[in-house]
């Protein structure tokens, strides 16, 4: 019978020099961080690069984490700062990728049109709104946790989610009066 270590215990072990403990932290949280970054960035390759940078930054700054049991929120905060810091570079990369994708033949995969439409709609939102939407609507984070991660006031996050959702409904042309 094996017991799973808590995040706080893993942080403690990693701070003591255990690469294995930090690898477990990465394994435990990397999918959620990548998913968040993919929603924020709109491009998988950029998001994957940012996720790697997030965990590298986390490793080097692990001693600054005040609340080891809240490492997940801390990681999302690092990811958000990484995304904001690389926005300009990612924009150029996305532009090149979009040009390349436009020249490729289309693939007939189920759900692709809806995914593309959602990515294009999200790309039209300001970065702060996109991040709030990615956390609160797609990632099921509370507004309060999202405010901490994004380092924004709670009211601002709520406003970003409300306005961002309304804008997505408008862009995608779906009816919102049924909710």
C-alpha atoms as a PDB file:
ATOM      1  CA  UNK A   1       0.000   0.000   0.000  1.00  0.00           C
ATOM      2  CA  UNK A   2       1.563   3.287  -1.089  1.00  0.00           C
ATOM      3  CA  UNK A   3       0.678   6.694   0.227  1.00  0.00           C
ATOM      4  CA  UNK A   4       0.932   9.720  -1.970  1.00  0.00           C
ATOM      5  CA  UNK A   5       3.020  12.583  -0.583  1.00  0.00           C
ATOM      6  CA  UNK A   6       1.314  15.955  -0.187  1.00  0.00           C
ATOM      7  CA  UNK A   7       2.446  18.926  -2.221  1.00  0.00           C
ATOM      8  CA  UNK A   8       3.903  20.481   0.933  1.00  0.00           C
ATOM      9  CA  UNK A   9       5.929  17.329   1.672  1.00  0.00           C
ATOM     10  CA  UNK A  10       7.199  17.217  -1.915  1.00  0.00           C
ATOM     11  CA  UNK A  11       8.206  20.889  -1.724  1.00  0.00           C
ATOM     12  CA  UNK A  12      10.066  20.210   1.511  1.00  0.00           C
ATOM     13  CA  UNK A  13      11.920  17.276  -0.036  1.00  0.00           C
ATOM     14  CA  UNK A  14      12.703  19.256  -3.199  1.00  0.00           C
ATOM     15  CA  UNK A  15      14.040  22.137  -1.107  1.00  0.00           C
ATOM     16  CA  UNK A  16      16.329  19.607   0.577  1.00  0.00           C
ATOM     17  CA  UNK A  17      17.762  18.706  -2.823  1.00  0.00           C
ATOM     18  CA  UNK A  18      15.528  15.849  -3.984  1.00  0.00           C
ATOM     19  CA  UNK A  19      15.268  15.941  -7.760  1.00  0.00           C
ATOM     20  CA  UNK A  20      12.801  13.048  -7.514  1.00  0.00           C
ATOM     21  CA  UNK A  21      10.459  15.104  -5.328  1.00  0.00           C
ATOM     22  CA  UNK A  22      10.515  18.006  -7.771  1.00  0.00           C
ATOM     23  CA  UNK A  23       9.904  15.583 -10.659  1.00  0.00           C
ATOM     24  CA  UNK A  24       6.797  14.395  -8.801  1.00  0.00           C
ATOM     25  CA  UNK A  25       5.637  18.006  -8.441  1.00  0.00           C
ATOM     26  CA  UNK A  26       6.100  18.469 -12.186  1.00  0.00           C
ATOM     27  CA  UNK A  27       4.260  15.218 -12.958  1.00  0.00           C
ATOM     28  CA  UNK A  28       1.414  16.215 -10.673  1.00  0.00           C
ATOM     29  CA  UNK A  29       0.883  19.737 -12.051  1.00  0.00           C
ATOM     30  CA  UNK A  30       2.310  19.941 -15.559  1.00  0.00           C
ATOM     31  CA  UNK A  31      -0.883  18.970 -17.398  1.00  0.00           C
ATOM     32  CA  UNK A  32      -2.948  21.654 -15.658  1.00  0.00           C
ATOM     33  CA  UNK A  33      -0.254  24.293 -16.251  1.00  0.00           C
ATOM     34  CA  UNK A  34       0.051  23.298 -19.921  1.00  0.00           C
ATOM     35  CA  UNK A  35      -3.720  23.390 -20.387  1.00  0.00           C
ATOM     36  CA  UNK A  36      -3.905  26.854 -18.848  1.00  0.00           C
ATOM     37  CA  UNK A  37      -1.071  28.122 -21.022  1.00  0.00           C
ATOM     38  CA  UNK A  38      -2.586  26.599 -24.150  1.00  0.00           C
ATOM     39  CA  UNK A  39      -5.797  28.492 -23.491  1.00  0.00           C
ATOM     40  CA  UNK A  40      -3.946  31.708 -22.750  1.00  0.00           C
ATOM     41  CA  UNK A  41      -1.491  31.435 -25.639  1.00  0.00           C
ATOM     42  CA  UNK A  42      -3.745  29.746 -28.178  1.00  0.00           C
ATOM     43  CA  UNK A  43      -0.800  27.832 -29.603  1.00  0.00           C
ATOM     44  CA  UNK A  44       0.391  24.501 -28.240  1.00  0.00           C
ATOM     45  CA  UNK A  45       4.091  24.820 -29.068  1.00  0.00           C
ATOM     46  CA  UNK A  46       4.349  28.222 -27.362  1.00  0.00           C
ATOM     47  CA  UNK A  47       2.400  26.939 -24.376  1.00  0.00           C
ATOM     48  CA  UNK A  48       4.626  23.877 -24.053  1.00  0.00           C
ATOM     49  CA  UNK A  49       7.747  26.060 -24.158  1.00  0.00           C
ATOM     50  CA  UNK A  50       6.266  28.360 -21.520  1.00  0.00           C
ATOM     51  CA  UNK A  51       5.359  25.379 -19.336  1.00  0.00           C
ATOM     52  CA  UNK A  52       8.972  24.234 -19.419  1.00  0.00           C
ATOM     53  CA  UNK A  53      10.109  27.747 -18.537  1.00  0.00           C
ATOM     54  CA  UNK A  54       7.548  27.820 -15.723  1.00  0.00           C
ATOM     55  CA  UNK A  55       8.919  24.683 -14.100  1.00  0.00           C
ATOM     56  CA  UNK A  56      12.510  25.827 -14.584  1.00  0.00           C
ATOM     57  CA  UNK A  57      11.652  29.130 -12.885  1.00  0.00           C
ATOM     58  CA  UNK A  58       9.823  27.239 -10.133  1.00  0.00           C
ATOM     59  CA  UNK A  59      12.849  25.030  -9.495  1.00  0.00           C
ATOM     60  CA  UNK A  60      15.164  28.013  -9.155  1.00  0.00           C
ATOM     61  CA  UNK A  61      12.723  29.970  -6.967  1.00  0.00           C
ATOM     62  CA  UNK A  62      11.351  27.101  -4.864  1.00  0.00           C
ATOM     63  CA  UNK A  63      12.841  28.549  -1.685  1.00  0.00           C
ATOM     64  CA  UNK A  64      10.731  31.706  -2.126  1.00  0.00           C
ATOM     65  CA  UNK A  65       7.441  29.785  -1.930  1.00  0.00           C
ATOM     66  CA  UNK A  66       5.817  30.917   1.335  1.00  0.00           C
ATOM     67  CA  UNK A  67       2.987  28.365   1.429  1.00  0.00           C
ATOM     68  CA  UNK A  68       4.204  24.984   0.151  1.00  0.00           C
ATOM     69  CA  UNK A  69       0.687  23.537   0.219  1.00  0.00           C
ATOM     70  CA  UNK A  70      -0.362  26.179  -2.345  1.00  0.00           C
ATOM     71  CA  UNK A  71       2.262  25.268  -4.927  1.00  0.00           C
ATOM     72  CA  UNK A  72      -0.379  24.780  -7.626  1.00  0.00           C
ATOM     73  CA  UNK A  73      -1.500  28.412  -7.397  1.00  0.00           C
ATOM     74  CA  UNK A  74       2.129  29.523  -7.210  1.00  0.00           C
ATOM     75  CA  UNK A  75       2.939  27.576 -10.395  1.00  0.00           C
ATOM     76  CA  UNK A  76      -0.021  29.125 -12.207  1.00  0.00           C
ATOM     77  CA  UNK A  77       1.186  32.572 -11.134  1.00  0.00           C
ATOM     78  CA  UNK A  78       4.635  31.851 -12.549  1.00  0.00           C
ATOM     79  CA  UNK A  79       3.031  30.532 -15.745  1.00  0.00           C
ATOM     80  CA  UNK A  80       0.967  33.698 -16.112  1.00  0.00           C
ATOM     81  CA  UNK A  81       4.004  35.925 -15.624  1.00  0.00           C
ATOM     82  CA  UNK A  82       5.951  33.829 -18.130  1.00  0.00           C
ATOM     83  CA  UNK A  83       3.109  34.193 -20.646  1.00  0.00           C
ATOM     84  CA  UNK A  84       2.940  37.954 -20.195  1.00  0.00           C
ATOM     85  CA  UNK A  85       6.704  38.274 -20.463  1.00  0.00           C
ATOM     86  CA  UNK A  86       6.908  36.376 -23.728  1.00  0.00           C
ATOM     87  CA  UNK A  87       3.762  37.752 -25.365  1.00  0.00           C
ATOM     88  CA  UNK A  88       5.576  39.731 -28.040  1.00  0.00           C
ATOM     89  CA  UNK A  89       7.785  36.831 -29.082  1.00  0.00           C
ATOM     90  CA  UNK A  90       4.836  34.446 -29.089  1.00  0.00           C
ATOM     91  CA  UNK A  91       2.837  36.820 -31.243  1.00  0.00           C
ATOM     92  CA  UNK A  92       5.493  36.691 -33.964  1.00  0.00           C
ATOM     93  CA  UNK A  93       5.675  32.912 -33.712  1.00  0.00           C
ATOM     94  CA  UNK A  94       1.881  32.581 -33.936  1.00  0.00           C
ATOM     95  CA  UNK A  95       1.833  34.815 -36.986  1.00  0.00           C
ATOM     96  CA  UNK A  96       4.398  32.611 -38.733  1.00  0.00           C
ATOM     97  CA  UNK A  97       2.509  29.469 -37.712  1.00  0.00           C
ATOM     98  CA  UNK A  98      -0.799  30.906 -38.919  1.00  0.00           C
ATOM     99  CA  UNK A  99       0.759  31.726 -42.286  1.00  0.00           C
ATOM    100  CA  UNK A 100       2.175  28.208 -42.504  1.00  0.00           C
ATOM    101  CA  UNK A 101      -1.148  26.624 -41.482  1.00  0.00           C
ATOM    102  CA  UNK A 102      -2.964  28.643 -44.155  1.00  0.00           C
ATOM    103  CA  UNK A 103      -0.782  27.021 -46.807  1.00  0.00           C
ATOM    104  CA  UNK A 104      -1.366  23.449 -45.552  1.00  0.00           C
ATOM    105  CA  UNK A 105      -4.234  21.334 -46.839  1.00  0.00           C
ATOM    106  CA  UNK A 106      -7.138  21.119 -44.417  1.00  0.00           C
ATOM    107  CA  UNK A 107      -7.617  17.985 -42.384  1.00  0.00           C
ATOM    108  CA  UNK A 108     -11.036  16.532 -41.755  1.00  0.00           C
ATOM    109  CA  UNK A 109     -10.939  15.879 -38.025  1.00  0.00           C
ATOM    110  CA  UNK A 110     -14.012  15.959 -35.785  1.00  0.00           C
ATOM    111  CA  UNK A 111     -14.162  18.999 -33.566  1.00  0.00           C
ATOM    112  CA  UNK A 112     -11.361  20.793 -35.387  1.00  0.00           C
ATOM    113  CA  UNK A 113     -13.595  23.607 -36.676  1.00  0.00           C
ATOM    114  CA  UNK A 114     -15.006  24.281 -33.221  1.00  0.00           C
ATOM    115  CA  UNK A 115     -11.533  24.217 -31.630  1.00  0.00           C
ATOM    116  CA  UNK A 116     -10.162  26.566 -34.272  1.00  0.00           C
ATOM    117  CA  UNK A 117     -13.140  28.904 -33.904  1.00  0.00           C
ATOM    118  CA  UNK A 118     -12.681  28.991 -30.128  1.00  0.00           C
ATOM    119  CA  UNK A 119      -8.924  29.613 -30.417  1.00  0.00           C
ATOM    120  CA  UNK A 120      -9.533  32.413 -32.903  1.00  0.00           C
ATOM    121  CA  UNK A 121     -12.213  33.918 -30.669  1.00  0.00           C
ATOM    122  CA  UNK A 122      -9.967  33.715 -27.601  1.00  0.00           C
ATOM    123  CA  UNK A 123      -7.143  35.334 -29.570  1.00  0.00           C
ATOM    124  CA  UNK A 124      -9.361  38.399 -30.069  1.00  0.00           C
ATOM    125  CA  UNK A 125      -9.657  38.968 -26.324  1.00  0.00           C
ATOM    126  CA  UNK A 126      -7.128  41.035 -24.403  1.00  0.00           C
ATOM    127  CA  UNK A 127      -4.533  38.849 -22.658  1.00  0.00           C
ATOM    128  CA  UNK A 128      -5.900  39.552 -19.162  1.00  0.00           C
ATOM    129  CA  UNK A 129      -9.430  38.541 -20.183  1.00  0.00           C
ATOM    130  CA  UNK A 130      -8.110  35.452 -21.953  1.00  0.00           C
ATOM    131  CA  UNK A 131      -6.238  34.394 -18.820  1.00  0.00           C
ATOM    132  CA  UNK A 132      -9.261  34.971 -16.570  1.00  0.00           C
ATOM    133  CA  UNK A 133     -11.467  32.963 -18.961  1.00  0.00           C
ATOM    134  CA  UNK A 134      -8.880  30.166 -19.156  1.00  0.00           C
ATOM    135  CA  UNK A 135      -8.691  29.882 -15.380  1.00  0.00           C
ATOM    136  CA  UNK A 136     -12.294  30.441 -14.312  1.00  0.00           C
ATOM    137  CA  UNK A 137     -14.359  29.003 -17.155  1.00  0.00           C
ATOM    138  CA  UNK A 138     -12.082  26.421 -18.731  1.00  0.00           C
ATOM    139  CA  UNK A 139      -9.981  25.551 -15.692  1.00  0.00           C
ATOM    140  CA  UNK A 140     -12.682  25.660 -12.986  1.00  0.00           C
ATOM    141  CA  UNK A 141     -10.629  27.937 -10.713  1.00  0.00           C
ATOM    142  CA  UNK A 142     -12.528  30.202  -8.339  1.00  0.00           C
ATOM    143  CA  UNK A 143     -12.474  33.923  -9.031  1.00  0.00           C
ATOM    144  CA  UNK A 144     -10.519  34.398  -5.803  1.00  0.00           C
ATOM    145  CA  UNK A 145      -7.824  31.885  -6.755  1.00  0.00           C
ATOM    146  CA  UNK A 146      -7.617  33.358 -10.249  1.00  0.00           C
ATOM    147  CA  UNK A 147      -7.149  36.818  -8.732  1.00  0.00           C
ATOM    148  CA  UNK A 148      -4.180  35.542  -6.724  1.00  0.00           C
ATOM    149  CA  UNK A 149      -2.657  33.735  -9.691  1.00  0.00           C
ATOM    150  CA  UNK A 150      -3.064  36.701 -12.030  1.00  0.00           C
ATOM    151  CA  UNK A 151      -2.138  39.209  -9.309  1.00  0.00           C
ATOM    152  CA  UNK A 152      -5.299  41.214  -9.975  1.00  0.00           C
ATOM    153  CA  UNK A 153      -8.077  42.493  -7.722  1.00  0.00           C
ATOM    154  CA  UNK A 154     -11.007  40.087  -7.359  1.00  0.00           C
ATOM    155  CA  UNK A 155     -13.424  42.561  -8.969  1.00  0.00           C
ATOM    156  CA  UNK A 156     -11.151  42.907 -11.991  1.00  0.00           C
ATOM    157  CA  UNK A 157     -11.066  39.139 -12.509  1.00  0.00           C
ATOM    158  CA  UNK A 158     -14.854  38.928 -12.226  1.00  0.00           C
ATOM    159  CA  UNK A 159     -15.185  41.761 -14.724  1.00  0.00           C
ATOM    160  CA  UNK A 160     -12.724  40.100 -17.135  1.00  0.00           C
ATOM    161  CA  UNK A 161     -14.650  36.824 -16.972  1.00  0.00           C
ATOM    162  CA  UNK A 162     -18.012  38.525 -17.492  1.00  0.00           C
ATOM    163  CA  UNK A 163     -16.846  40.743 -20.346  1.00  0.00           C
ATOM    164  CA  UNK A 164     -14.694  38.040 -21.923  1.00  0.00           C
ATOM    165  CA  UNK A 165     -17.543  35.531 -21.900  1.00  0.00           C
ATOM    166  CA  UNK A 166     -19.902  38.087 -23.416  1.00  0.00           C
ATOM    167  CA  UNK A 167     -17.348  38.886 -26.120  1.00  0.00           C
ATOM    168  CA  UNK A 168     -16.836  35.181 -26.909  1.00  0.00           C
ATOM    169  CA  UNK A 169     -20.590  34.713 -27.240  1.00  0.00           C
ATOM    170  CA  UNK A 170     -20.675  37.675 -29.611  1.00  0.00           C
ATOM    171  CA  UNK A 171     -17.691  36.510 -31.688  1.00  0.00           C
ATOM    172  CA  UNK A 172     -18.878  32.915 -31.946  1.00  0.00           C
ATOM    173  CA  UNK A 173     -22.436  33.971 -32.721  1.00  0.00           C
ATOM    174  CA  UNK A 174     -24.056  31.702 -30.151  1.00  0.00           C
ATOM    175  CA  UNK A 175     -27.200  32.491 -28.224  1.00  0.00           C
ATOM    176  CA  UNK A 176     -26.635  33.271 -24.589  1.00  0.00           C
ATOM    177  CA  UNK A 177     -30.271  33.875 -23.548  1.00  0.00           C
ATOM    178  CA  UNK A 178     -30.836  30.206 -22.687  1.00  0.00           C
ATOM    179  CA  UNK A 179     -28.671  30.384 -19.522  1.00  0.00           C
END
